[in-house]
C-alpha atoms as a PDB file:
ATOM      1  CA  MET A   1      13.680  -5.208  20.270  1.00  0.00           C
ATOM      2  CA  LYS A   2      17.072  -4.690  21.974  1.00  0.00           C
ATOM      3  CA  HIS A   3      20.093  -4.966  20.837  1.00  0.00           C
ATOM      4  CA  GLU A   4      23.065  -6.411  22.377  1.00  0.00           C
ATOM      5  CA  ARG A   5      26.320  -4.618  22.709  1.00  0.00           C
ATOM      6  CA  GLY A   6      28.563  -6.734  21.253  1.00  0.00           C
ATOM      7  CA  THR A   7      32.830  -5.709  21.313  1.00  0.00           C
ATOM      8  CA  GLY A   8      33.205  -2.971  18.882  1.00  0.00           C
ATOM      9  CA  SER A   9      29.401  -1.552  19.121  1.00  0.00           C
ATOM     10  CA  VAL A  10      28.433   1.427  20.881  1.00  0.00           C
ATOM     11  CA  SER A  11      24.795   2.400  21.580  1.00  0.00           C
ATOM     12  CA  ARG A  12      22.533   4.051  19.289  1.00  0.00           C
ATOM     13  CA  ARG A  13      22.241   7.321  22.375  1.00  0.00           C
ATOM     14  CA  ARG A  14      26.058   7.550  22.305  1.00  0.00           C
ATOM     15  CA  PHE A  15      26.850   7.094  18.280  1.00  0.00           C
ATOM     16  CA  VAL A  16      24.267  10.418  17.884  1.00  0.00           C
ATOM     17  CA  GLN A  17      26.582  11.702  20.897  1.00  0.00           C
ATOM     18  CA  TYR A  18      29.442  11.022  18.645  1.00  0.00           C
ATOM     19  CA  LEU A  19      28.460  12.192  15.678  1.00  0.00           C
ATOM     20  CA  ALA A  20      27.640  15.542  17.072  1.00  0.00           C
ATOM     21  CA  MET A  21      30.985  15.641  18.931  1.00  0.00           C
ATOM     22  CA  TRP A  22      32.505  15.091  15.147  1.00  0.00           C
ATOM     23  CA  ALA A  23      30.124  18.155  13.226  1.00  0.00           C
ATOM     24  CA  VAL A  24      30.829  20.330  16.515  1.00  0.00           C
ATOM     25  CA  GLY A  25      34.359  19.945  16.372  1.00  0.00           C
ATOM     26  CA  GLY A  26      34.874  20.111  12.550  1.00  0.00           C
ATOM     27  CA  ARG A  27      32.341  23.094  12.050  1.00  0.00           C
ATOM     28  CA  THR A  28      34.756  24.548  15.058  1.00  0.00           C
ATOM     29  CA  PHE A  29      38.412  24.017  13.242  1.00  0.00           C
ATOM     30  CA  LEU A  30      36.602  25.109  10.041  1.00  0.00           C
ATOM     31  CA  SER A  31      35.655  28.308  11.781  1.00  0.00           C
ATOM     32  CA  THR A  32      39.029  29.530  13.543  1.00  0.00           C
ATOM     33  CA  ARG A  33      41.157  27.173  12.410  1.00  0.00           C
ATOM     34  CA  ASP A  34      42.121  26.025  15.640  1.00  0.00           C
ATOM     35  CA  ALA A  35      42.587  22.260  16.667  1.00  0.00           C
ATOM     36  CA  ARG A  36      42.370  23.072  20.567  1.00  0.00           C
ATOM     37  CA  ALA A  37      39.368  24.882  20.163  1.00  0.00           C
ATOM     38  CA  ALA A  38      37.874  22.156  17.992  1.00  0.00           C
ATOM     39  CA  VAL A  39      38.496  19.512  20.794  1.00  0.00           C
ATOM     40  CA  ASP A  40      37.075  21.354  23.419  1.00  0.00           C
ATOM     41  CA  ALA A  41      34.237  21.936  21.606  1.00  0.00           C
ATOM     42  CA  ALA A  42      33.917  18.213  20.116  1.00  0.00           C
ATOM     43  CA  ARG A  43      34.241  17.447  24.293  1.00  0.00           C
ATOM     44  CA  GLU A  44      31.608  19.499  25.231  1.00  0.00           C
ATOM     45  CA  ALA A  45      29.335  18.150  22.616  1.00  0.00           C
ATOM     46  CA  GLY A  46      30.088  14.913  24.017  1.00  0.00           C
ATOM     47  CA  ALA A  47      28.961  16.084  27.184  1.00  0.00           C
ATOM     48  CA  GLY A  48      25.241  14.945  25.805  1.00  0.00           C
ATOM     49  CA  LYS A  49      21.868  16.395  26.084  1.00  0.00           C
ATOM     50  CA  ASN A  50      21.825  17.218  29.714  1.00  0.00           C
ATOM     51  CA  GLN A  51      24.272  19.671  29.713  1.00  0.00           C
ATOM     52  CA  TRP A  52      22.449  21.985  27.137  1.00  0.00           C
ATOM     53  CA  PRO A  53      21.645  24.979  28.411  1.00  0.00           C
ATOM     54  CA  GLN A  54      17.992  25.838  29.466  1.00  0.00           C
ATOM     55  CA  MET A  55      16.109  27.521  26.381  1.00  0.00           C
ATOM     56  CA  THR A  56      15.278  31.475  27.099  1.00  0.00           C
ATOM     57  CA  TYR A  57      11.966  32.709  25.930  1.00  0.00           C
ATOM     58  CA  ARG A  58      10.654  36.254  25.028  1.00  0.00           C
ATOM     59  CA  THR A  59       7.054  37.382  24.635  1.00  0.00           C
ATOM     60  CA  LEU A  60       5.963  37.547  20.841  1.00  0.00           C
ATOM     61  CA  GLY A  61       4.405  40.801  19.787  1.00  0.00           C
ATOM     62  CA  ARG A  62       0.924  41.155  20.681  1.00  0.00           C
ATOM     63  CA  THR A  63       0.217  37.216  20.292  1.00  0.00           C
ATOM     64  CA  ASN A  64       1.619  37.040  24.081  1.00  0.00           C
ATOM     65  CA  PHE A  65       3.155  33.596  23.123  1.00  0.00           C
ATOM     66  CA  ASN A  66       5.774  33.039  25.268  1.00  0.00           C
ATOM     67  CA  ALA A  67       8.322  31.948  22.794  1.00  0.00           C
ATOM     68  CA  SER A  68      11.961  30.494  22.616  1.00  0.00           C
ATOM     69  CA  ARG A  69      13.948  32.519  21.748  1.00  0.00           C
ATOM     70  CA  LEU A  70      15.436  29.767  18.676  1.00  0.00           C
ATOM     71  CA  VAL A  71      13.226  29.190  15.955  1.00  0.00           C
ATOM     72  CA  PHE A  72      13.178  25.994  14.310  1.00  0.00           C
ATOM     73  CA  GLY A  73      13.072  26.618  10.678  1.00  0.00           C
ATOM     74  CA  CYS A  74      11.837  23.649   9.013  1.00  0.00           C
ATOM     75  CA  GLY A  75      12.082  24.319   5.496  1.00  0.00           C
ATOM     76  CA  ALA A  76      15.412  23.901   4.442  1.00  0.00           C
ATOM     77  CA  ALA A  77      15.696  20.668   7.151  1.00  0.00           C
ATOM     78  CA  LEU A  78      12.444  19.280   5.849  1.00  0.00           C
ATOM     79  CA  MET A  79      12.368  19.513   2.290  1.00  0.00           C
ATOM     80  CA  PHE A  80      13.925  16.532   1.336  1.00  0.00           C
ATOM     81  CA  ARG A  81      12.979  13.885   4.069  1.00  0.00           C
ATOM     82  CA  ALA A  82      11.991  14.010   7.860  1.00  0.00           C
ATOM     83  CA  LYS A  83      13.778  14.260  10.988  1.00  0.00           C
ATOM     84  CA  ASP A  84      11.277  13.462  13.489  1.00  0.00           C
ATOM     85  CA  GLU A  85      14.158  12.788  15.860  1.00  0.00           C
ATOM     86  CA  LEU A  86      15.868  16.050  15.345  1.00  0.00           C
ATOM     87  CA  LEU A  87      12.616  17.980  15.765  1.00  0.00           C
ATOM     88  CA  ASN A  88      12.067  15.939  19.072  1.00  0.00           C
ATOM     89  CA  ALA A  89      15.411  17.040  20.265  1.00  0.00           C
ATOM     90  CA  ALA A  90      14.906  20.386  19.511  1.00  0.00           C
ATOM     91  CA  TYR A  91      11.176  20.333  21.913  1.00  0.00           C
ATOM     92  CA  GLU A  92      12.826  18.713  24.540  1.00  0.00           C
ATOM     93  CA  ALA A  93      15.686  21.206  24.526  1.00  0.00           C
ATOM     94  CA  GLY A  94      12.803  23.994  24.944  1.00  0.00           C
ATOM     95  CA  ILE A  95      12.387  25.136  21.338  1.00  0.00           C
ATOM     96  CA  ASN A  96       8.654  25.748  21.298  1.00  0.00           C
ATOM     97  CA  VAL A  97       7.915  27.837  17.778  1.00  0.00           C
ATOM     98  CA  PHE A  98       8.423  25.760  14.520  1.00  0.00           C
ATOM     99  CA  ASP A  99       8.322  27.759  11.403  1.00  0.00           C
ATOM    100  CA  VAL A 100       8.190  25.827   7.425  1.00  0.00           C
ATOM    101  CA  GLY A 101       6.486  26.970   4.256  1.00  0.00           C
ATOM    102  CA  TYR A 102       4.455  26.479   1.046  1.00  0.00           C
ATOM    103  CA  ARG A 103       5.156  23.093  -1.001  1.00  0.00           C
ATOM    104  CA  GLY A 104       5.660  25.406  -3.882  1.00  0.00           C
ATOM    105  CA  TYR A 105       9.383  26.610  -2.243  1.00  0.00           C
ATOM    106  CA  TYR A 106       9.884  24.350   0.452  1.00  0.00           C
ATOM    107  CA  ARG A 107       8.913  20.763  -1.427  1.00  0.00           C
ATOM    108  CA  ASP A 108       7.872  18.453   1.089  1.00  0.00           C
ATOM    109  CA  ALA A 109       8.787  20.398   4.522  1.00  0.00           C
ATOM    110  CA  GLU A 110       5.062  20.622   5.408  1.00  0.00           C
ATOM    111  CA  GLN A 111       4.342  16.890   5.032  1.00  0.00           C
ATOM    112  CA  HIS A 112       7.958  16.050   6.937  1.00  0.00           C
ATOM    113  CA  LEU A 113       6.718  17.940   9.894  1.00  0.00           C
ATOM    114  CA  SER A 114       3.050  17.046   9.597  1.00  0.00           C
ATOM    115  CA  PRO A 115       3.668  13.724  12.518  1.00  0.00           C
ATOM    116  CA  PHE A 116       5.601  15.718  14.506  1.00  0.00           C
ATOM    117  CA  ILE A 117       3.230  18.539  14.834  1.00  0.00           C
ATOM    118  CA  GLY A 118       0.419  15.677  15.117  1.00  0.00           C
ATOM    119  CA  LYS A 119       2.055  15.321  18.323  1.00  0.00           C
ATOM    120  CA  VAL A 120       2.853  18.433  20.035  1.00  0.00           C
ATOM    121  CA  ARG A 121      -0.035  20.918  18.602  1.00  0.00           C
ATOM    122  CA  ASP A 122      -0.730  21.992  21.483  1.00  0.00           C
ATOM    123  CA  ASP A 123       2.257  23.245  23.067  1.00  0.00           C
ATOM    124  CA  VAL A 124       4.177  24.986  20.288  1.00  0.00           C
ATOM    125  CA  PHE A 125       3.437  27.882  18.239  1.00  0.00           C
ATOM    126  CA  LEU A 126       3.195  27.097  14.243  1.00  0.00           C
ATOM    127  CA  ILE A 127       4.037  29.085  11.328  1.00  0.00           C
ATOM    128  CA  SER A 128       3.820  28.346   7.963  1.00  0.00           C
ATOM    129  CA  LYS A 129       3.950  30.995   4.818  1.00  0.00           C
ATOM    130  CA  ALA A 130       3.517  31.429   1.184  1.00  0.00           C
ATOM    131  CA  PRO A 131       3.734  34.505  -1.316  1.00  0.00           C
ATOM    132  CA  VAL A 132       1.208  35.792  -3.285  1.00  0.00           C
ATOM    133  CA  ASP A 133       1.008  35.692  -7.413  1.00  0.00           C
ATOM    134  CA  LEU A 134       2.059  39.178  -8.343  1.00  0.00           C
ATOM    135  CA  GLU A 135       4.684  40.519 -10.707  1.00  0.00           C
ATOM    136  CA  ALA A 136       5.240  43.914  -9.354  1.00  0.00           C
ATOM    137  CA  GLU A 137       8.594  45.911  -8.628  1.00  0.00           C
ATOM    138  CA  PRO A 138       8.937  47.281  -4.699  1.00  0.00           C
ATOM    139  CA  ASP A 139       8.278  50.139  -5.726  1.00  0.00           C
ATOM    140  CA  ASP A 140       5.225  49.750  -8.159  1.00  0.00           C
ATOM    141  CA  ILE A 141       1.479  50.688  -6.897  1.00  0.00           C
ATOM    142  CA  VAL A 142      -0.953  48.124  -6.707  1.00  0.00           C
ATOM    143  CA  THR A 143      -3.845  48.096  -8.439  1.00  0.00           C
ATOM    144  CA  VAL A 144      -7.292  46.734  -6.738  1.00  0.00           C
ATOM    145  CA  GLU A 145      -7.320  44.067  -9.062  1.00  0.00           C
ATOM    146  CA  GLN A 146      -4.061  43.406  -8.420  1.00  0.00           C
ATOM    147  CA  ALA A 147      -4.787  43.288  -4.697  1.00  0.00           C
ATOM    148  CA  LYS A 148      -7.732  40.789  -5.435  1.00  0.00           C
ATOM    149  CA  HIS A 149      -5.985  38.372  -7.466  1.00  0.00           C
ATOM    150  CA  ALA A 150      -2.818  37.850  -5.061  1.00  0.00           C
ATOM    151  CA  ALA A 151      -4.733  37.555  -1.975  1.00  0.00           C
ATOM    152  CA  ALA A 152      -6.928  34.785  -3.590  1.00  0.00           C
ATOM    153  CA  SER A 153      -3.642  33.249  -4.358  1.00  0.00           C
ATOM    154  CA  TRP A 154      -2.592  33.530  -0.728  1.00  0.00           C
ATOM    155  CA  ALA A 155      -5.832  32.055   0.812  1.00  0.00           C
ATOM    156  CA  ARG A 156      -5.270  29.245  -1.694  1.00  0.00           C
ATOM    157  CA  ARG A 157      -1.910  28.538  -0.368  1.00  0.00           C
ATOM    158  CA  LEU A 158      -2.724  28.915   3.316  1.00  0.00           C
ATOM    159  CA  ASP A 159      -5.745  25.655   2.277  1.00  0.00           C
ATOM    160  CA  ALA A 160      -2.684  23.653   1.026  1.00  0.00           C
ATOM    161  CA  SER A 161      -0.737  24.152   4.185  1.00  0.00           C
ATOM    162  CA  LEU A 162      -3.635  22.998   6.283  1.00  0.00           C
ATOM    163  CA  THR A 163      -3.507  19.978   3.838  1.00  0.00           C
ATOM    164  CA  GLU A 164       0.049  19.467   4.080  1.00  0.00           C
ATOM    165  CA  LEU A 165       0.326  20.281   7.889  1.00  0.00           C
ATOM    166  CA  ARG A 166      -2.595  18.062   8.471  1.00  0.00           C
ATOM    167  CA  VAL A 167      -4.054  20.918  10.816  1.00  0.00           C
ATOM    168  CA  ASP A 168      -7.026  22.852  10.975  1.00  0.00           C
ATOM    169  CA  ARG A 169      -5.291  25.880  11.683  1.00  0.00           C
ATOM    170  CA  VAL A 170      -1.750  27.583  12.103  1.00  0.00           C
ATOM    171  CA  ASP A 171      -0.750  30.011  14.843  1.00  0.00           C
ATOM    172  CA  ALA A 172       0.257  32.348  12.046  1.00  0.00           C
ATOM    173  CA  TYR A 173       0.861  32.576   8.035  1.00  0.00           C
ATOM    174  CA  TYR A 174       3.178  35.030   6.534  1.00  0.00           C
ATOM    175  CA  LEU A 175       2.792  36.974   3.380  1.00  0.00           C
ATOM    176  CA  MET A 176       6.300  35.394   2.402  1.00  0.00           C
ATOM    177  CA  ALA A 177       9.240  36.976   0.578  1.00  0.00           C
ATOM    178  CA  SER A 178       7.033  40.197   0.254  1.00  0.00           C
ATOM    179  CA  HIS A 179       9.138  43.170  -1.210  1.00  0.00           C
ATOM    180  CA  ASN A 180       5.999  45.930  -2.240  1.00  0.00           C
ATOM    181  CA  PRO A 181       4.807  48.182   0.746  1.00  0.00           C
ATOM    182  CA  SER A 182       1.746  49.148  -1.601  1.00  0.00           C
ATOM    183  CA  LEU A 183       0.212  45.065  -1.261  1.00  0.00           C
ATOM    184  CA  ILE A 184       1.357  44.964   2.306  1.00  0.00           C
ATOM    185  CA  GLU A 185      -1.149  47.478   3.471  1.00  0.00           C
ATOM    186  CA  SER A 186      -3.636  46.285   0.464  1.00  0.00           C
ATOM    187  CA  GLU A 187      -7.098  45.914   2.419  1.00  0.00           C
ATOM    188  CA  GLU A 188      -8.231  43.451   0.263  1.00  0.00           C
ATOM    189  CA  ILE A 189      -4.659  41.260   1.631  1.00  0.00           C
ATOM    190  CA  TYR A 190      -5.915  42.588   4.908  1.00  0.00           C
ATOM    191  CA  ARG A 191      -9.752  41.369   4.435  1.00  0.00           C
ATOM    192  CA  THR A 192      -8.729  37.853   3.226  1.00  0.00           C
ATOM    193  CA  PHE A 193      -6.579  37.227   6.740  1.00  0.00           C
ATOM    194  CA  GLN A 194      -9.801  38.600   8.517  1.00  0.00           C
ATOM    195  CA  ASN A 195     -11.797  35.935   6.441  1.00  0.00           C
ATOM    196  CA  ALA A 196      -9.343  33.321   7.244  1.00  0.00           C
ATOM    197  CA  LYS A 197      -9.251  33.860  10.501  1.00  0.00           C
ATOM    198  CA  GLN A 198     -13.198  33.980  11.375  1.00  0.00           C
ATOM    199  CA  ALA A 199     -12.787  30.700   9.878  1.00  0.00           C
ATOM    200  CA  GLY A 200     -10.511  29.826  12.565  1.00  0.00           C
ATOM    201  CA  LYS A 201      -7.776  28.746   9.748  1.00  0.00           C
ATOM    202  CA  VAL A 202      -5.293  31.243  11.309  1.00  0.00           C
ATOM    203  CA  THR A 203      -4.966  33.412  14.037  1.00  0.00           C
ATOM    204  CA  HIS A 204      -2.010  36.065  13.478  1.00  0.00           C
ATOM    205  CA  PHE A 205      -0.956  37.372  10.499  1.00  0.00           C
ATOM    206  CA  GLY A 206       2.124  38.231   9.095  1.00  0.00           C
ATOM    207  CA  VAL A 207       4.717  39.249   6.698  1.00  0.00           C
ATOM    208  CA  SER A 208       8.425  38.006   5.675  1.00  0.00           C
ATOM    209  CA  THR A 209      10.963  39.524   3.651  1.00  0.00           C
ATOM    210  CA  HIS A 210      14.765  39.544   1.984  1.00  0.00           C
ATOM    211  CA  ARG A 211      14.328  42.552  -0.116  1.00  0.00           C
ATOM    212  CA  ASN A 212      13.236  45.911   0.735  1.00  0.00           C
ATOM    213  CA  ALA A 213      12.911  45.463   4.477  1.00  0.00           C
ATOM    214  CA  GLU A 214      12.822  48.875   6.107  1.00  0.00           C
ATOM    215  CA  LYS A 215       9.932  49.913   3.179  1.00  0.00           C
ATOM    216  CA  VAL A 216       8.119  46.789   4.031  1.00  0.00           C
ATOM    217  CA  LEU A 217       8.582  46.743   8.252  1.00  0.00           C
ATOM    218  CA  LEU A 218       7.331  50.466   7.815  1.00  0.00           C
ATOM    219  CA  ALA A 219       4.158  50.131   5.861  1.00  0.00           C
ATOM    220  CA  ALA A 220       3.259  46.872   8.056  1.00  0.00           C
ATOM    221  CA  ALA A 221       3.764  49.072  10.946  1.00  0.00           C
ATOM    222  CA  ARG A 222       1.609  51.963   9.853  1.00  0.00           C
ATOM    223  CA  THR A 223      -1.798  49.411   9.150  1.00  0.00           C
ATOM    224  CA  GLY A 224      -1.496  47.660  12.539  1.00  0.00           C
ATOM    225  CA  TRP A 225      -2.492  45.214  11.007  1.00  0.00           C
ATOM    226  CA  TYR A 226       0.699  42.758  11.230  1.00  0.00           C
ATOM    227  CA  ASP A 227       1.281  40.142  14.352  1.00  0.00           C
ATOM    228  CA  LEU A 228       4.968  39.242  13.039  1.00  0.00           C
ATOM    229  CA  ALA A 229       7.380  40.278  10.789  1.00  0.00           C
ATOM    230  CA  MET A 230      10.052  38.392   9.886  1.00  0.00           C
ATOM    231  CA  ILE A 231      13.330  39.891   8.387  1.00  0.00           C
ATOM    232  CA  ALA A 232      16.457  39.200   7.126  1.00  0.00           C
ATOM    233  CA  ILE A 233      19.334  41.943   9.494  1.00  0.00           C
ATOM    234  CA  THR A 234      22.544  41.192  10.367  1.00  0.00           C
ATOM    235  CA  PRO A 235      25.114  42.726  12.861  1.00  0.00           C
ATOM    236  CA  GLY A 236      26.399  44.553   9.726  1.00  0.00           C
ATOM    237  CA  GLY A 237      22.679  45.621   8.432  1.00  0.00           C
ATOM    238  CA  TRP A 238      19.729  44.663   6.212  1.00  0.00           C
ATOM    239  CA  TYR A 239      20.581  41.248   4.354  1.00  0.00           C
ATOM    240  CA  ASP A 240      20.286  41.543   0.060  1.00  0.00           C
ATOM    241  CA  TRP A 241      18.625  38.636  -1.217  1.00  0.00           C
ATOM    242  CA  GLU A 242      20.398  39.310  -4.470  1.00  0.00           C
ATOM    243  CA  SER A 243      24.112  39.736  -3.397  1.00  0.00           C
ATOM    244  CA  LYS A 244      23.962  37.252  -0.328  1.00  0.00           C
ATOM    245  CA  SER A 245      25.698  39.536   1.825  1.00  0.00           C
ATOM    246  CA  VAL A 246      24.706  42.850   3.242  1.00  0.00           C
ATOM    247  CA  LEU A 247      22.714  45.251   1.449  1.00  0.00           C
ATOM    248  CA  GLU A 248      24.958  47.781  -0.134  1.00  0.00           C
ATOM    249  CA  GLY A 249      24.106  51.052   1.795  1.00  0.00           C
ATOM    250  CA  SER A 250      22.538  49.885   4.695  1.00  0.00           C
ATOM    251  CA  LYS A 251      23.400  51.183   8.326  1.00  0.00           C
ATOM    252  CA  PRO A 252      24.759  48.868  10.546  1.00  0.00           C
ATOM    253  CA  MET A 253      21.968  46.784  12.827  1.00  0.00           C
ATOM    254  CA  THR A 254      22.562  49.376  15.731  1.00  0.00           C
ATOM    255  CA  GLY A 255      21.627  52.230  13.421  1.00  0.00           C
ATOM    256  CA  LEU A 256      18.753  50.455  12.641  1.00  0.00           C
ATOM    257  CA  GLN A 257      16.965  50.501  15.471  1.00  0.00           C
ATOM    258  CA  PRO A 258      14.688  53.410  15.684  1.00  0.00           C
ATOM    259  CA  ILE A 259      13.205  51.117  12.787  1.00  0.00           C
ATOM    260  CA  LEU A 260      12.861  48.183  14.637  1.00  0.00           C
ATOM    261  CA  GLU A 261      10.901  50.319  17.444  1.00  0.00           C
ATOM    262  CA  LYS A 262       8.495  51.193  15.242  1.00  0.00           C
ATOM    263  CA  ALA A 263       7.587  47.858  14.433  1.00  0.00           C
ATOM    264  CA  ARG A 264       7.423  47.271  17.628  1.00  0.00           C
ATOM    265  CA  GLU A 265       5.535  49.743  19.167  1.00  0.00           C
ATOM    266  CA  SER A 266       2.979  48.843  16.393  1.00  0.00           C
ATOM    267  CA  GLY A 267       2.777  45.615  17.970  1.00  0.00           C
ATOM    268  CA  MET A 268       4.474  43.177  15.852  1.00  0.00           C
ATOM    269  CA  GLY A 269       6.904  40.537  17.090  1.00  0.00           C
ATOM    270  CA  LEU A 270      10.168  40.363  15.146  1.00  0.00           C
ATOM    271  CA  VAL A 271      12.095  37.320  13.497  1.00  0.00           C
ATOM    272  CA  GLY A 272      15.046  37.906  12.333  1.00  0.00           C
ATOM    273  CA  MET A 273      16.408  35.227   9.631  1.00  0.00           C
ATOM    274  CA  LYS A 274      19.259  35.445   7.456  1.00  0.00           C
ATOM    275  CA  ALA A 275      21.459  36.476  10.276  1.00  0.00           C
ATOM    276  CA  ALA A 276      24.302  34.500   9.684  1.00  0.00           C
ATOM    277  CA  ARG A 277      24.260  33.400   6.206  1.00  0.00           C
ATOM    278  CA  HIS A 278      26.521  35.881   5.031  1.00  0.00           C
ATOM    279  CA  LEU A 279      29.020  34.040   6.513  1.00  0.00           C
ATOM    280  CA  SER A 280      28.909  30.952   4.570  1.00  0.00           C
ATOM    281  CA  GLY A 281      29.758  32.774   1.418  1.00  0.00           C
ATOM    282  CA  LEU A 282      28.228  30.456  -1.695  1.00  0.00           C
ATOM    283  CA  PRO A 283      31.072  29.020  -3.546  1.00  0.00           C
ATOM    284  CA  ILE A 284      29.333  28.136  -6.164  1.00  0.00           C
ATOM    285  CA  LEU A 285      28.867  31.460  -7.843  1.00  0.00           C
ATOM    286  CA  GLY A 286      32.242  32.795  -6.110  1.00  0.00           C
ATOM    287  CA  TRP A 287      31.249  34.068  -3.066  1.00  0.00           C
ATOM    288  CA  TRP A 288      33.728  32.601  -0.246  1.00  0.00           C
ATOM    289  CA  ASP A 289      33.051  32.326   3.833  1.00  0.00           C
ATOM    290  CA  GLU A 290      33.673  35.007   5.575  1.00  0.00           C
ATOM    291  CA  PRO A 291      33.579  34.109   9.078  1.00  0.00           C
ATOM    292  CA  ASP A 292      35.112  37.448  10.044  1.00  0.00           C
ATOM    293  CA  ALA A 293      32.547  39.516   7.955  1.00  0.00           C
ATOM    294  CA  PHE A 294      31.280  41.136  11.176  1.00  0.00           C
ATOM    295  CA  ASP A 295      33.466  41.227  13.795  1.00  0.00           C
ATOM    296  CA  GLU A 296      33.810  45.049  14.102  1.00  0.00           C
ATOM    297  CA  PHE A 297      30.134  45.217  15.270  1.00  0.00           C
ATOM    298  CA  TYR A 298      31.301  43.084  18.636  1.00  0.00           C
ATOM    299  CA  GLY A 299      32.661  43.733  21.720  1.00  0.00           C
ATOM    300  CA  GLU A 300      35.628  42.315  23.131  1.00  0.00           C
ATOM    301  CA  LYS A 301      33.580  40.329  25.489  1.00  0.00           C
ATOM    302  CA  LEU A 302      31.705  38.843  23.029  1.00  0.00           C
ATOM    303  CA  MET A 303      34.682  38.409  20.957  1.00  0.00           C
ATOM    304  CA  ALA A 304      36.477  36.814  23.907  1.00  0.00           C
ATOM    305  CA  ALA A 305      33.554  33.679  24.011  1.00  0.00           C
ATOM    306  CA  SER A 306      34.456  30.625  22.883  1.00  0.00           C
ATOM    307  CA  LEU A 307      31.617  30.920  20.201  1.00  0.00           C
ATOM    308  CA  SER A 308      31.609  30.474  16.268  1.00  0.00           C
ATOM    309  CA  PRO A 309      31.152  32.964  14.129  1.00  0.00           C
ATOM    310  CA  PHE A 310      27.967  32.013  13.571  1.00  0.00           C
ATOM    311  CA  GLN A 311      27.053  31.698  17.179  1.00  0.00           C
ATOM    312  CA  ARG A 312      28.696  35.459  17.884  1.00  0.00           C
ATOM    313  CA  THR A 313      26.158  36.241  14.940  1.00  0.00           C
ATOM    314  CA  TYR A 314      22.788  34.611  16.728  1.00  0.00           C
ATOM    315  CA  ALA A 315      24.152  36.035  19.395  1.00  0.00           C
ATOM    316  CA  TYR A 316      24.433  39.848  18.501  1.00  0.00           C
ATOM    317  CA  VAL A 317      21.119  40.041  16.769  1.00  0.00           C
ATOM    318  CA  LEU A 318      19.247  38.421  19.665  1.00  0.00           C
ATOM    319  CA  ALA A 319      20.767  41.072  22.060  1.00  0.00           C
ATOM    320  CA  HIS A 320      19.895  44.117  19.112  1.00  0.00           C
ATOM    321  CA  GLY A 321      15.966  44.587  18.798  1.00  0.00           C
ATOM    322  CA  LEU A 322      14.696  40.903  17.986  1.00  0.00           C
ATOM    323  CA  ASP A 323      12.482  38.945  19.687  1.00  0.00           C
ATOM    324  CA  VAL A 324      13.316  35.593  18.288  1.00  0.00           C
ATOM    325  CA  VAL A 325      16.125  34.507  15.320  1.00  0.00           C
ATOM    326  CA  ASN A 326      15.319  31.798  12.800  1.00  0.00           C
ATOM    327  CA  ALA A 327      17.502  29.398  12.456  1.00  0.00           C
ATOM    328  CA  ASP A 328      17.824  26.384   9.457  1.00  0.00           C
ATOM    329  CA  MET A 329      19.257  23.350  11.388  1.00  0.00           C
ATOM    330  CA  GLY A 330      20.116  19.996   9.752  1.00  0.00           C
ATOM    331  CA  SER A 331      21.269  18.334  12.401  1.00  0.00           C
ATOM    332  CA  LEU A 332      22.147  17.647  16.625  1.00  0.00           C
ATOM    333  CA  ALA A 333      25.580  19.809  16.632  1.00  0.00           C
ATOM    334  CA  HIS A 334      24.362  22.562  14.410  1.00  0.00           C
ATOM    335  CA  LEU A 335      20.860  22.618  17.038  1.00  0.00           C
ATOM    336  CA  ARG A 336      22.919  22.573  20.057  1.00  0.00           C
ATOM    337  CA  GLU A 337      25.752  25.102  18.242  1.00  0.00           C
ATOM    338  CA  ASN A 338      22.511  27.568  18.074  1.00  0.00           C
ATOM    339  CA  VAL A 339      21.038  26.354  21.374  1.00  0.00           C
ATOM    340  CA  ILE A 340      24.026  27.792  22.764  1.00  0.00           C
ATOM    341  CA  ALA A 341      23.843  31.118  21.118  1.00  0.00           C
ATOM    342  CA  ALA A 342      20.437  32.146  21.756  1.00  0.00           C
ATOM    343  CA  THR A 343      20.565  31.373  25.489  1.00  0.00           C
ATOM    344  CA  SER A 344      23.647  32.665  26.551  1.00  0.00           C
ATOM    345  CA  SER A 345      23.433  36.220  24.534  1.00  0.00           C
ATOM    346  CA  PRO A 346      22.585  38.420  27.531  1.00  0.00           C
ATOM    347  CA  THR A 347      26.154  37.749  28.926  1.00  0.00           C
ATOM    348  CA  TYR A 348      27.947  39.081  26.303  1.00  0.00           C
ATOM    349  CA  PHE A 349      26.182  42.344  26.536  1.00  0.00           C
ATOM    350  CA  THR A 350      25.453  43.366  29.953  1.00  0.00           C
END
């Protein structure tokens, strides 16, 4: 049904555009405290979808998939409600990798993603993930019995994810929140993945971690089993899940290049996450915004760019060892901001 455009009314498309302008302008002002920059950012956002930059792509390790350098992280965005318009906008902007996770952590996210995925399934790379049932510290040695129990729980959650997503297969399924190298190297875990692959449920094996990332990544590389690794990393070094900041004692990202290269040499595609989380802080726990936390790592060219601190972070990590970066995006403005950061990254490091 068509709606008449009466006096004082705007089209639905224009209204969404205004929302994007207000959101981008407000976010820029909060980040920079520069009113002129905020106005410029809002005007740029108002230019519309046709002014968005063209997405860039990178082969994702031995998956050989030509992946958009920005991954749409669906977990937080879709936990409580569907956002098909936002997903469609991401797809139209060239994003072809969508990452979600199991119900036990991400609530209804897989279910809310399913209608969109049903329409584009043959054109996108679909990732989901789940942890295993295992109580073990990072340096514990996992027994065979523990590994069998852990592998069985992961397999059950894979089946549940397929049901929630209403698909027969995912392109990759991660061992989520993995911090124990002994488990990563367990043949029981790998055998369970192989069985699922032979059954046509999953194509590629992955691991994601917020803790003990360096040891986990090296363990995964030693096995040669893993196709993807999603790691929490920032310009300042490894992200620490416990402190919600940079891991104490971590080398900056430039110093972690040998670790990343070993992972890449094993055939893994590297996916970044939590790259900009430290900037936002967590006021409820007394951790305040730190928009300049990574400025010391940036060159003059990046610092002079018309980018928010969040955009600088994504641009930097993509230029320093990551194939793609995963970002939660809850609005059109946020989506556009991240698309600009991902696509413009190479221009600041030549």
